[in-house]
């Protein structure tokens, strides 16, 4: 599936290197906008979630680790949970506002 394709291509690792030094606290906001745009264009929230989760969650974890945020810490979990919520919220909002659903 898509998750194994992303892993085989090394997408989260590539984005982690490309965005190295980026504050992990902005990942949820960027994820929300990208999920919204993807879902708005495709008209499917489920498809957007399938694309965004395997990319955004490892990215948030890797950027947090690069900044010295420990796994399981309050700050790390906050970034992780808000990134997951951003995928869900952006995907559903884009799906509901997409003209292809009418």
PDB file of N, CA and C in Angstrom:
ATOM      1  N   UNK A   1       0.807  -1.177   0.000  1.00  0.00           N
ATOM      2  CA  UNK A   1       0.000   0.000   0.000  1.00  0.00           C
ATOM      3  C   UNK A   1       0.858   1.252   0.000  1.00  0.00           C
ATOM      4  N   UNK A   2       0.184   2.359   0.223  1.00  0.00           N
ATOM      5  CA  UNK A   2       0.829   3.666   0.190  1.00  0.00           C
ATOM      6  C   UNK A   2       1.884   3.797   1.282  1.00  0.00           C
ATOM      7  N   UNK A   3       1.599   3.278   2.462  1.00  0.00           N
ATOM      8  CA  UNK A   3       2.534   3.383   3.572  1.00  0.00           C
ATOM      9  C   UNK A   3       3.859   2.694   3.256  1.00  0.00           C
ATOM     10  N   UNK A   4       3.792   1.507   2.673  1.00  0.00           N
ATOM     11  CA  UNK A   4       5.027   0.800   2.331  1.00  0.00           C
ATOM     12  C   UNK A   4       5.766   1.491   1.187  1.00  0.00           C
ATOM     13  N   UNK A   5       5.021   2.129   0.287  1.00  0.00           N
ATOM     14  CA  UNK A   5       5.658   2.881  -0.796  1.00  0.00           C
ATOM     15  C   UNK A   5       6.414   4.068  -0.231  1.00  0.00           C
ATOM     16  N   UNK A   6       5.789   4.797   0.696  1.00  0.00           N
ATOM     17  CA  UNK A   6       6.462   5.938   1.332  1.00  0.00           C
ATOM     18  C   UNK A   6       7.716   5.487   2.070  1.00  0.00           C
ATOM     19  N   UNK A   7       7.603   4.367   2.770  1.00  0.00           N
ATOM     20  CA  UNK A   7       8.752   3.854   3.509  1.00  0.00           C
ATOM     21  C   UNK A   7       9.866   3.425   2.562  1.00  0.00           C
ATOM     22  N   UNK A   8       9.492   2.766   1.458  1.00  0.00           N
ATOM     23  CA  UNK A   8      10.492   2.311   0.495  1.00  0.00           C
ATOM     24  C   UNK A   8      11.201   3.490  -0.173  1.00  0.00           C
ATOM     25  N   UNK A   9      10.467   4.544  -0.419  1.00  0.00           N
ATOM     26  CA  UNK A   9      11.064   5.730  -1.034  1.00  0.00           C
ATOM     27  C   UNK A   9      11.837   6.584  -0.033  1.00  0.00           C
ATOM     28  N   UNK A  10      11.588   6.359   1.248  1.00  0.00           N
ATOM     29  CA  UNK A  10      12.254   7.140   2.276  1.00  0.00           C
ATOM     30  C   UNK A  10      11.710   8.556   2.378  1.00  0.00           C
ATOM     31  N   UNK A  11      10.420   8.725   2.085  1.00  0.00           N
ATOM     32  CA  UNK A  11       9.802  10.049   2.077  1.00  0.00           C
ATOM     33  C   UNK A  11       9.946  10.785   3.415  1.00  0.00           C
ATOM     34  N   UNK A  12       9.600  10.168   4.563  1.00  0.00           N
ATOM     35  CA  UNK A  12       9.763  10.892   5.833  1.00  0.00           C
ATOM     36  C   UNK A  12      11.219  11.257   6.117  1.00  0.00           C
ATOM     37  N   UNK A  13      12.151  10.357   5.766  1.00  0.00           N
ATOM     38  CA  UNK A  13      13.565  10.652   5.980  1.00  0.00           C
ATOM     39  C   UNK A  13      14.026  11.802   5.094  1.00  0.00           C
ATOM     40  N   UNK A  14      13.571  11.799   3.839  1.00  0.00           N
ATOM     41  CA  UNK A  14      13.929  12.882   2.923  1.00  0.00           C
ATOM     42  C   UNK A  14      13.404  14.224   3.426  1.00  0.00           C
ATOM     43  N   UNK A  15      12.125  14.247   3.808  1.00  0.00           N
ATOM     44  CA  UNK A  15      11.551  15.495   4.305  1.00  0.00           C
ATOM     45  C   UNK A  15      12.217  15.931   5.603  1.00  0.00           C
ATOM     46  N   UNK A  16      12.578  14.968   6.441  1.00  0.00           N
ATOM     47  CA  UNK A  16      13.285  15.291   7.678  1.00  0.00           C
ATOM     48  C   UNK A  16      14.617  15.967   7.402  1.00  0.00           C
ATOM     49  N   UNK A  17      15.328  15.500   6.380  1.00  0.00           N
ATOM     50  CA  UNK A  17      16.599  16.128   6.000  1.00  0.00           C
ATOM     51  C   UNK A  17      16.368  17.487   5.345  1.00  0.00           C
ATOM     52  N   UNK A  18      15.349  17.566   4.494  1.00  0.00           N
ATOM     53  CA  UNK A  18      15.065  18.810   3.786  1.00  0.00           C
ATOM     54  C   UNK A  18      14.603  19.901   4.750  1.00  0.00           C
ATOM     55  N   UNK A  19      13.905  19.519   5.798  1.00  0.00           N
ATOM     56  CA  UNK A  19      13.368  20.492   6.751  1.00  0.00           C
ATOM     57  C   UNK A  19      14.174  20.561   8.045  1.00  0.00           C
ATOM     58  N   UNK A  20      15.386  20.026   8.040  1.00  0.00           N
ATOM     59  CA  UNK A  20      16.225  19.999   9.235  1.00  0.00           C
ATOM     60  C   UNK A  20      16.398  21.418   9.775  1.00  0.00           C
ATOM     61  N   UNK A  21      16.229  21.556  11.064  1.00  0.00           N
ATOM     62  CA  UNK A  21      16.332  22.864  11.696  1.00  0.00           C
ATOM     63  C   UNK A  21      15.004  23.588  11.809  1.00  0.00           C
ATOM     64  N   UNK A  22      13.962  23.028  11.200  1.00  0.00           N
ATOM     65  CA  UNK A  22      12.627  23.622  11.299  1.00  0.00           C
ATOM     66  C   UNK A  22      12.054  23.330  12.679  1.00  0.00           C
ATOM     67  N   UNK A  23      11.424  24.325  13.268  1.00  0.00           N
ATOM     68  CA  UNK A  23      10.800  24.147  14.577  1.00  0.00           C
ATOM     69  C   UNK A  23       9.654  23.140  14.454  1.00  0.00           C
ATOM     70  N   UNK A  24       9.712  22.038  15.200  1.00  0.00           N
ATOM     71  CA  UNK A  24       8.670  21.023  15.066  1.00  0.00           C
ATOM     72  C   UNK A  24       7.288  21.503  15.515  1.00  0.00           C
ATOM     73  N   UNK A  25       7.220  22.612  16.227  1.00  0.00           N
ATOM     74  CA  UNK A  25       5.933  23.122  16.691  1.00  0.00           C
ATOM     75  C   UNK A  25       5.077  23.656  15.543  1.00  0.00           C
ATOM     76  N   UNK A  26       5.682  23.949  14.382  1.00  0.00           N
ATOM     77  CA  UNK A  26       4.888  24.448  13.252  1.00  0.00           C
ATOM     78  C   UNK A  26       4.423  23.317  12.334  1.00  0.00           C
ATOM     79  N   UNK A  27       4.886  22.108  12.586  1.00  0.00           N
ATOM     80  CA  UNK A  27       4.487  20.969  11.750  1.00  0.00           C
ATOM     81  C   UNK A  27       2.970  20.759  11.736  1.00  0.00           C
ATOM     82  N   UNK A  28       2.271  20.852  12.881  1.00  0.00           N
ATOM     83  CA  UNK A  28       0.813  20.680  12.814  1.00  0.00           C
ATOM     84  C   UNK A  28       0.121  21.710  11.919  1.00  0.00           C
ATOM     85  N   UNK A  29       0.551  22.950  11.967  1.00  0.00           N
ATOM     86  CA  UNK A  29      -0.083  23.985  11.144  1.00  0.00           C
ATOM     87  C   UNK A  29       0.164  23.736   9.658  1.00  0.00           C
ATOM     88  N   UNK A  30       1.388  23.380   9.318  1.00  0.00           N
ATOM     89  CA  UNK A  30       1.710  23.084   7.919  1.00  0.00           C
ATOM     90  C   UNK A  30       0.954  21.842   7.458  1.00  0.00           C
ATOM     91  N   UNK A  31       0.894  20.843   8.320  1.00  0.00           N
ATOM     92  CA  UNK A  31       0.185  19.612   8.000  1.00  0.00           C
ATOM     93  C   UNK A  31      -1.293  19.870   7.759  1.00  0.00           C
ATOM     94  N   UNK A  32      -1.896  20.732   8.585  1.00  0.00           N
ATOM     95  CA  UNK A  32      -3.309  21.048   8.429  1.00  0.00           C
ATOM     96  C   UNK A  32      -3.584  21.675   7.063  1.00  0.00           C
ATOM     97  N   UNK A  33      -2.769  22.643   6.679  1.00  0.00           N
ATOM     98  CA  UNK A  33      -2.972  23.326   5.396  1.00  0.00           C
ATOM     99  C   UNK A  33      -2.749  22.363   4.233  1.00  0.00           C
ATOM    100  N   UNK A  34      -1.704  21.544   4.303  1.00  0.00           N
ATOM    101  CA  UNK A  34      -1.440  20.599   3.218  1.00  0.00           C
ATOM    102  C   UNK A  34      -2.543  19.540   3.112  1.00  0.00           C
ATOM    103  N   UNK A  35      -3.028  19.065   4.255  1.00  0.00           N
ATOM    104  CA  UNK A  35      -4.124  18.085   4.230  1.00  0.00           C
ATOM    105  C   UNK A  35      -5.387  18.721   3.660  1.00  0.00           C
ATOM    106  N   UNK A  36      -5.644  19.968   4.024  1.00  0.00           N
ATOM    107  CA  UNK A  36      -6.821  20.662   3.502  1.00  0.00           C
ATOM    108  C   UNK A  36      -6.724  20.819   1.986  1.00  0.00           C
ATOM    109  N   UNK A  37      -5.568  21.264   1.503  1.00  0.00           N
ATOM    110  CA  UNK A  37      -5.395  21.458   0.054  1.00  0.00           C
ATOM    111  C   UNK A  37      -5.501  20.138  -0.707  1.00  0.00           C
ATOM    112  N   UNK A  38      -4.892  19.093  -0.174  1.00  0.00           N
ATOM    113  CA  UNK A  38      -4.941  17.786  -0.827  1.00  0.00           C
ATOM    114  C   UNK A  38      -6.375  17.270  -0.884  1.00  0.00           C
ATOM    115  N   UNK A  39      -7.083  17.376   0.220  1.00  0.00           N
ATOM    116  CA  UNK A  39      -8.461  16.895   0.276  1.00  0.00           C
ATOM    117  C   UNK A  39      -9.390  17.767  -0.558  1.00  0.00           C
ATOM    118  N   UNK A  40      -9.145  19.061  -0.583  1.00  0.00           N
ATOM    119  CA  UNK A  40      -9.950  19.964  -1.399  1.00  0.00           C
ATOM    120  C   UNK A  40      -9.816  19.617  -2.876  1.00  0.00           C
ATOM    121  N   UNK A  41      -8.605  19.306  -3.286  1.00  0.00           N
ATOM    122  CA  UNK A  41      -8.361  18.986  -4.688  1.00  0.00           C
ATOM    123  C   UNK A  41      -8.859  17.617  -5.104  1.00  0.00           C
ATOM    124  N   UNK A  42      -8.769  16.656  -4.193  1.00  0.00           N
ATOM    125  CA  UNK A  42      -9.154  15.292  -4.550  1.00  0.00           C
ATOM    126  C   UNK A  42     -10.595  14.974  -4.189  1.00  0.00           C
ATOM    127  N   UNK A  43     -11.144  15.680  -3.211  1.00  0.00           N
ATOM    128  CA  UNK A  43     -12.516  15.420  -2.787  1.00  0.00           C
ATOM    129  C   UNK A  43     -12.665  14.196  -1.909  1.00  0.00           C
ATOM    130  N   UNK A  44     -11.567  13.702  -1.361  1.00  0.00           N
ATOM    131  CA  UNK A  44     -11.650  12.525  -0.497  1.00  0.00           C
ATOM    132  C   UNK A  44     -10.840  12.746   0.775  1.00  0.00           C
ATOM    133  N   UNK A  45     -11.513  12.631   1.903  1.00  0.00           N
ATOM    134  CA  UNK A  45     -10.798  12.773   3.171  1.00  0.00           C
ATOM    135  C   UNK A  45     -10.030  11.492   3.512  1.00  0.00           C
ATOM    136  N   UNK A  46     -10.615  10.332   3.197  1.00  0.00           N
ATOM    137  CA  UNK A  46      -9.948   9.069   3.507  1.00  0.00           C
ATOM    138  C   UNK A  46      -8.653   8.921   2.712  1.00  0.00           C
ATOM    139  N   UNK A  47      -8.697   9.276   1.447  1.00  0.00           N
ATOM    140  CA  UNK A  47      -7.489   9.205   0.621  1.00  0.00           C
ATOM    141  C   UNK A  47      -6.411  10.149   1.116  1.00  0.00           C
ATOM    142  N   UNK A  48      -6.820  11.342   1.536  1.00  0.00           N
ATOM    143  CA  UNK A  48      -5.862  12.309   2.059  1.00  0.00           C
ATOM    144  C   UNK A  48      -5.233  11.804   3.345  1.00  0.00           C
ATOM    145  N   UNK A  49      -6.035  11.213   4.214  1.00  0.00           N
ATOM    146  CA  UNK A  49      -5.479  10.657   5.451  1.00  0.00           C
ATOM    147  C   UNK A  49      -4.482   9.543   5.142  1.00  0.00           C
ATOM    148  N   UNK A  50      -4.803   8.726   4.162  1.00  0.00           N
ATOM    149  CA  UNK A  50      -3.901   7.627   3.784  1.00  0.00           C
ATOM    150  C   UNK A  50      -2.579   8.150   3.243  1.00  0.00           C
ATOM    151  N   UNK A  51      -2.604   9.307   2.618  1.00  0.00           N
ATOM    152  CA  UNK A  51      -1.376   9.904   2.082  1.00  0.00           C
ATOM    153  C   UNK A  51      -0.615  10.659   3.168  1.00  0.00           C
ATOM    154  N   UNK A  52      -1.334  11.405   3.996  1.00  0.00           N
ATOM    155  CA  UNK A  52      -0.686  12.317   4.940  1.00  0.00           C
ATOM    156  C   UNK A  52      -0.141  11.657   6.202  1.00  0.00           C
ATOM    157  N   UNK A  53      -0.834  10.649   6.729  1.00  0.00           N
ATOM    158  CA  UNK A  53      -0.371  10.038   7.975  1.00  0.00           C
ATOM    159  C   UNK A  53       1.032   9.435   7.865  1.00  0.00           C
ATOM    160  N   UNK A  54       1.325   8.616   6.844  1.00  0.00           N
ATOM    161  CA  UNK A  54       2.656   8.006   6.792  1.00  0.00           C
ATOM    162  C   UNK A  54       3.782   9.010   6.543  1.00  0.00           C
ATOM    163  N   UNK A  55       3.429  10.215   6.133  1.00  0.00           N
ATOM    164  CA  UNK A  55       4.446  11.243   5.898  1.00  0.00           C
ATOM    165  C   UNK A  55       4.577  12.161   7.108  1.00  0.00           C
ATOM    166  N   UNK A  56       3.457  12.662   7.618  1.00  0.00           N
ATOM    167  CA  UNK A  56       3.509  13.714   8.628  1.00  0.00           C
ATOM    168  C   UNK A  56       3.883  13.222  10.027  1.00  0.00           C
ATOM    169  N   UNK A  57       3.433  12.042  10.412  1.00  0.00           N
ATOM    170  CA  UNK A  57       3.746  11.560  11.764  1.00  0.00           C
ATOM    171  C   UNK A  57       5.242  11.264  11.922  1.00  0.00           C
ATOM    172  N   UNK A  58       5.878  10.497  11.010  1.00  0.00           N
ATOM    173  CA  UNK A  58       7.330  10.315  11.145  1.00  0.00           C
ATOM    174  C   UNK A  58       8.097  11.631  11.028  1.00  0.00           C
ATOM    175  N   UNK A  59       7.595  12.553  10.198  1.00  0.00           N
ATOM    176  CA  UNK A  59       8.254  13.856  10.073  1.00  0.00           C
ATOM    177  C   UNK A  59       8.218  14.605  11.399  1.00  0.00           C
ATOM    178  N   UNK A  60       7.065  14.631  12.056  1.00  0.00           N
ATOM    179  CA  UNK A  60       6.956  15.309  13.350  1.00  0.00           C
ATOM    180  C   UNK A  60       7.869  14.666  14.391  1.00  0.00           C
ATOM    181  N   UNK A  61       7.936  13.349  14.388  1.00  0.00           N
ATOM    182  CA  UNK A  61       8.795  12.644  15.345  1.00  0.00           C
ATOM    183  C   UNK A  61      10.267  12.947  15.065  1.00  0.00           C
ATOM    184  N   UNK A  62      10.676  12.869  13.797  1.00  0.00           N
ATOM    185  CA  UNK A  62      12.085  13.108  13.450  1.00  0.00           C
ATOM    186  C   UNK A  62      12.511  14.541  13.741  1.00  0.00           C
ATOM    187  N   UNK A  63      11.673  15.512  13.409  1.00  0.00           N
ATOM    188  CA  UNK A  63      12.025  16.909  13.687  1.00  0.00           C
ATOM    189  C   UNK A  63      12.076  17.165  15.190  1.00  0.00           C
ATOM    190  N   UNK A  64      11.183  16.524  15.951  1.00  0.00           N
ATOM    191  CA  UNK A  64      11.215  16.673  17.403  1.00  0.00           C
ATOM    192  C   UNK A  64      12.500  16.090  17.979  1.00  0.00           C
ATOM    193  N   UNK A  65      12.886  14.931  17.497  1.00  0.00           N
ATOM    194  CA  UNK A  65      14.133  14.314  17.977  1.00  0.00           C
ATOM    195  C   UNK A  65      15.338  15.171  17.619  1.00  0.00           C
ATOM    196  N   UNK A  66      15.333  15.764  16.430  1.00  0.00           N
ATOM    197  CA  UNK A  66      16.441  16.627  16.018  1.00  0.00           C
ATOM    198  C   UNK A  66      16.575  17.846  16.923  1.00  0.00           C
ATOM    199  N   UNK A  67      15.453  18.313  17.461  1.00  0.00           N
ATOM    200  CA  UNK A  67      15.469  19.471  18.363  1.00  0.00           C
ATOM    201  C   UNK A  67      15.741  19.066  19.811  1.00  0.00           C
ATOM    202  N   UNK A  68      15.959  17.779  20.056  1.00  0.00           N
ATOM    203  CA  UNK A  68      16.264  17.305  21.398  1.00  0.00           C
ATOM    204  C   UNK A  68      15.043  17.053  22.263  1.00  0.00           C
ATOM    205  N   UNK A  69      13.877  16.974  21.643  1.00  0.00           N
ATOM    206  CA  UNK A  69      12.651  16.678  22.385  1.00  0.00           C
ATOM    207  C   UNK A  69      12.548  15.167  22.527  1.00  0.00           C
ATOM    208  N   UNK A  70      12.460  14.709  23.761  1.00  0.00           N
ATOM    209  CA  UNK A  70      12.455  13.274  24.022  1.00  0.00           C
ATOM    210  C   UNK A  70      11.117  12.644  23.656  1.00  0.00           C
ATOM    211  N   UNK A  71      11.181  11.404  23.177  1.00  0.00           N
ATOM    212  CA  UNK A  71       9.958  10.648  22.899  1.00  0.00           C
ATOM    213  C   UNK A  71       9.197  10.445  24.202  1.00  0.00           C
ATOM    214  N   UNK A  72       7.904  10.659  24.166  1.00  0.00           N
ATOM    215  CA  UNK A  72       7.080  10.456  25.345  1.00  0.00           C
ATOM    216  C   UNK A  72       7.014  11.655  26.271  1.00  0.00           C
ATOM    217  N   UNK A  73       7.790  12.712  25.997  1.00  0.00           N
ATOM    218  CA  UNK A  73       7.705  13.909  26.823  1.00  0.00           C
ATOM    219  C   UNK A  73       6.409  14.654  26.499  1.00  0.00           C
ATOM    220  N   UNK A  74       6.011  15.542  27.397  1.00  0.00           N
ATOM    221  CA  UNK A  74       4.776  16.297  27.166  1.00  0.00           C
ATOM    222  C   UNK A  74       4.847  17.092  25.868  1.00  0.00           C
ATOM    223  N   UNK A  75       5.974  17.732  25.618  1.00  0.00           N
ATOM    224  CA  UNK A  75       6.119  18.529  24.398  1.00  0.00           C
ATOM    225  C   UNK A  75       6.093  17.652  23.152  1.00  0.00           C
ATOM    226  N   UNK A  76       6.780  16.510  23.205  1.00  0.00           N
ATOM    227  CA  UNK A  76       6.797  15.596  22.072  1.00  0.00           C
ATOM    228  C   UNK A  76       5.425  15.018  21.769  1.00  0.00           C
ATOM    229  N   UNK A  77       4.703  14.629  22.816  1.00  0.00           N
ATOM    230  CA  UNK A  77       3.356  14.086  22.623  1.00  0.00           C
ATOM    231  C   UNK A  77       2.391  15.160  22.124  1.00  0.00           C
ATOM    232  N   UNK A  78       2.570  16.398  22.595  1.00  0.00           N
ATOM    233  CA  UNK A  78       1.726  17.489  22.126  1.00  0.00           C
ATOM    234  C   UNK A  78       1.905  17.693  20.622  1.00  0.00           C
ATOM    235  N   UNK A  79       3.134  17.688  20.155  1.00  0.00           N
ATOM    236  CA  UNK A  79       3.401  17.851  18.722  1.00  0.00           C
ATOM    237  C   UNK A  79       2.833  16.666  17.938  1.00  0.00           C
ATOM    238  N   UNK A  80       3.023  15.465  18.460  1.00  0.00           N
ATOM    239  CA  UNK A  80       2.529  14.265  17.787  1.00  0.00           C
ATOM    240  C   UNK A  80       1.002  14.254  17.690  1.00  0.00           C
ATOM    241  N   UNK A  81       0.331  14.522  18.800  1.00  0.00           N
ATOM    242  CA  UNK A  81      -1.136  14.498  18.806  1.00  0.00           C
ATOM    243  C   UNK A  81      -1.729  15.611  17.957  1.00  0.00           C
ATOM    244  N   UNK A  82      -1.146  16.811  18.021  1.00  0.00           N
ATOM    245  CA  UNK A  82      -1.697  17.903  17.216  1.00  0.00           C
ATOM    246  C   UNK A  82      -1.422  17.696  15.730  1.00  0.00           C
ATOM    247  N   UNK A  83      -0.328  17.019  15.390  1.00  0.00           N
ATOM    248  CA  UNK A  83      -0.083  16.691  13.986  1.00  0.00           C
ATOM    249  C   UNK A  83      -1.114  15.687  13.480  1.00  0.00           C
ATOM    250  N   UNK A  84      -1.410  14.678  14.289  1.00  0.00           N
ATOM    251  CA  UNK A  84      -2.451  13.706  13.908  1.00  0.00           C
ATOM    252  C   UNK A  84      -3.803  14.389  13.784  1.00  0.00           C
ATOM    253  N   UNK A  85      -4.120  15.286  14.706  1.00  0.00           N
ATOM    254  CA  UNK A  85      -5.383  16.016  14.638  1.00  0.00           C
ATOM    255  C   UNK A  85      -5.431  16.931  13.420  1.00  0.00           C
ATOM    256  N   UNK A  86      -4.281  17.492  13.046  1.00  0.00           N
ATOM    257  CA  UNK A  86      -4.225  18.359  11.870  1.00  0.00           C
ATOM    258  C   UNK A  86      -4.508  17.568  10.597  1.00  0.00           C
ATOM    259  N   UNK A  87      -4.005  16.343  10.522  1.00  0.00           N
ATOM    260  CA  UNK A  87      -4.304  15.488   9.364  1.00  0.00           C
ATOM    261  C   UNK A  87      -5.800  15.218   9.297  1.00  0.00           C
ATOM    262  N   UNK A  88      -6.382  14.825  10.421  1.00  0.00           N
ATOM    263  CA  UNK A  88      -7.815  14.517  10.448  1.00  0.00           C
ATOM    264  C   UNK A  88      -8.667  15.747  10.136  1.00  0.00           C
ATOM    265  N   UNK A  89      -8.373  16.847  10.808  1.00  0.00           N
ATOM    266  CA  UNK A  89      -9.163  18.057  10.626  1.00  0.00           C
ATOM    267  C   UNK A  89      -9.038  18.651   9.240  1.00  0.00           C
ATOM    268  N   UNK A  90      -7.797  18.750   8.733  1.00  0.00           N
ATOM    269  CA  UNK A  90      -7.596  19.296   7.398  1.00  0.00           C
ATOM    270  C   UNK A  90      -8.205  18.426   6.317  1.00  0.00           C
ATOM    271  N   UNK A  91      -8.123  17.126   6.497  1.00  0.00           N
ATOM    272  CA  UNK A  91      -8.692  16.200   5.515  1.00  0.00           C
ATOM    273  C   UNK A  91     -10.203  16.313   5.443  1.00  0.00           C
ATOM    274  N   UNK A  92     -10.844  16.352   6.592  1.00  0.00           N
ATOM    275  CA  UNK A  92     -12.303  16.429   6.614  1.00  0.00           C
ATOM    276  C   UNK A  92     -12.781  17.799   6.142  1.00  0.00           C
ATOM    277  N   UNK A  93     -12.097  18.853   6.560  1.00  0.00           N
ATOM    278  CA  UNK A  93     -12.507  20.200   6.133  1.00  0.00           C
ATOM    279  C   UNK A  93     -12.389  20.340   4.617  1.00  0.00           C
ATOM    280  N   UNK A  94     -11.283  19.870   4.056  1.00  0.00           N
ATOM    281  CA  UNK A  94     -11.118  19.941   2.603  1.00  0.00           C
ATOM    282  C   UNK A  94     -12.158  19.120   1.864  1.00  0.00           C
ATOM    283  N   UNK A  95     -12.489  17.963   2.403  1.00  0.00           N
ATOM    284  CA  UNK A  95     -13.502  17.099   1.788  1.00  0.00           C
ATOM    285  C   UNK A  95     -14.862  17.781   1.804  1.00  0.00           C
ATOM    286  N   UNK A  96     -15.217  18.392   2.924  1.00  0.00           N
ATOM    287  CA  UNK A  96     -16.529  19.035   3.032  1.00  0.00           C
ATOM    288  C   UNK A  96     -16.633  20.308   2.206  1.00  0.00           C
ATOM    289  N   UNK A  97     -15.517  20.984   1.980  1.00  0.00           N
ATOM    290  CA  UNK A  97     -15.569  22.228   1.200  1.00  0.00           C
ATOM    291  C   UNK A  97     -15.246  22.029  -0.276  1.00  0.00           C
ATOM    292  N   UNK A  98     -14.989  20.790  -0.675  1.00  0.00           N
ATOM    293  CA  UNK A  98     -14.652  20.501  -2.061  1.00  0.00           C
ATOM    294  C   UNK A  98     -15.892  20.550  -2.953  1.00  0.00           C
ATOM    295  N   UNK A  99     -15.754  21.205  -4.090  1.00  0.00           N
ATOM    296  CA  UNK A  99     -16.863  21.292  -5.028  1.00  0.00           C
ATOM    297  C   UNK A  99     -17.124  19.964  -5.739  1.00  0.00           C
ATOM    298  N   UNK A 100     -16.152  19.068  -5.714  1.00  0.00           N
ATOM    299  CA  UNK A 100     -16.347  17.790  -6.403  1.00  0.00           C
ATOM    300  C   UNK A 100     -17.323  16.886  -5.666  1.00  0.00           C
ATOM    301  N   UNK A 101     -17.697  17.256  -4.442  1.00  0.00           N
ATOM    302  CA  UNK A 101     -18.660  16.451  -3.685  1.00  0.00           C
ATOM    303  C   UNK A 101     -20.104  16.858  -3.925  1.00  0.00           C
ATOM    304  N   UNK A 102     -20.298  17.922  -4.685  1.00  0.00           N
ATOM    305  CA  UNK A 102     -21.688  18.410  -4.880  1.00  0.00           C
ATOM    306  C   UNK A 102     -22.249  17.986  -6.186  1.00  0.00           C
TER     307      UNK A 102
END
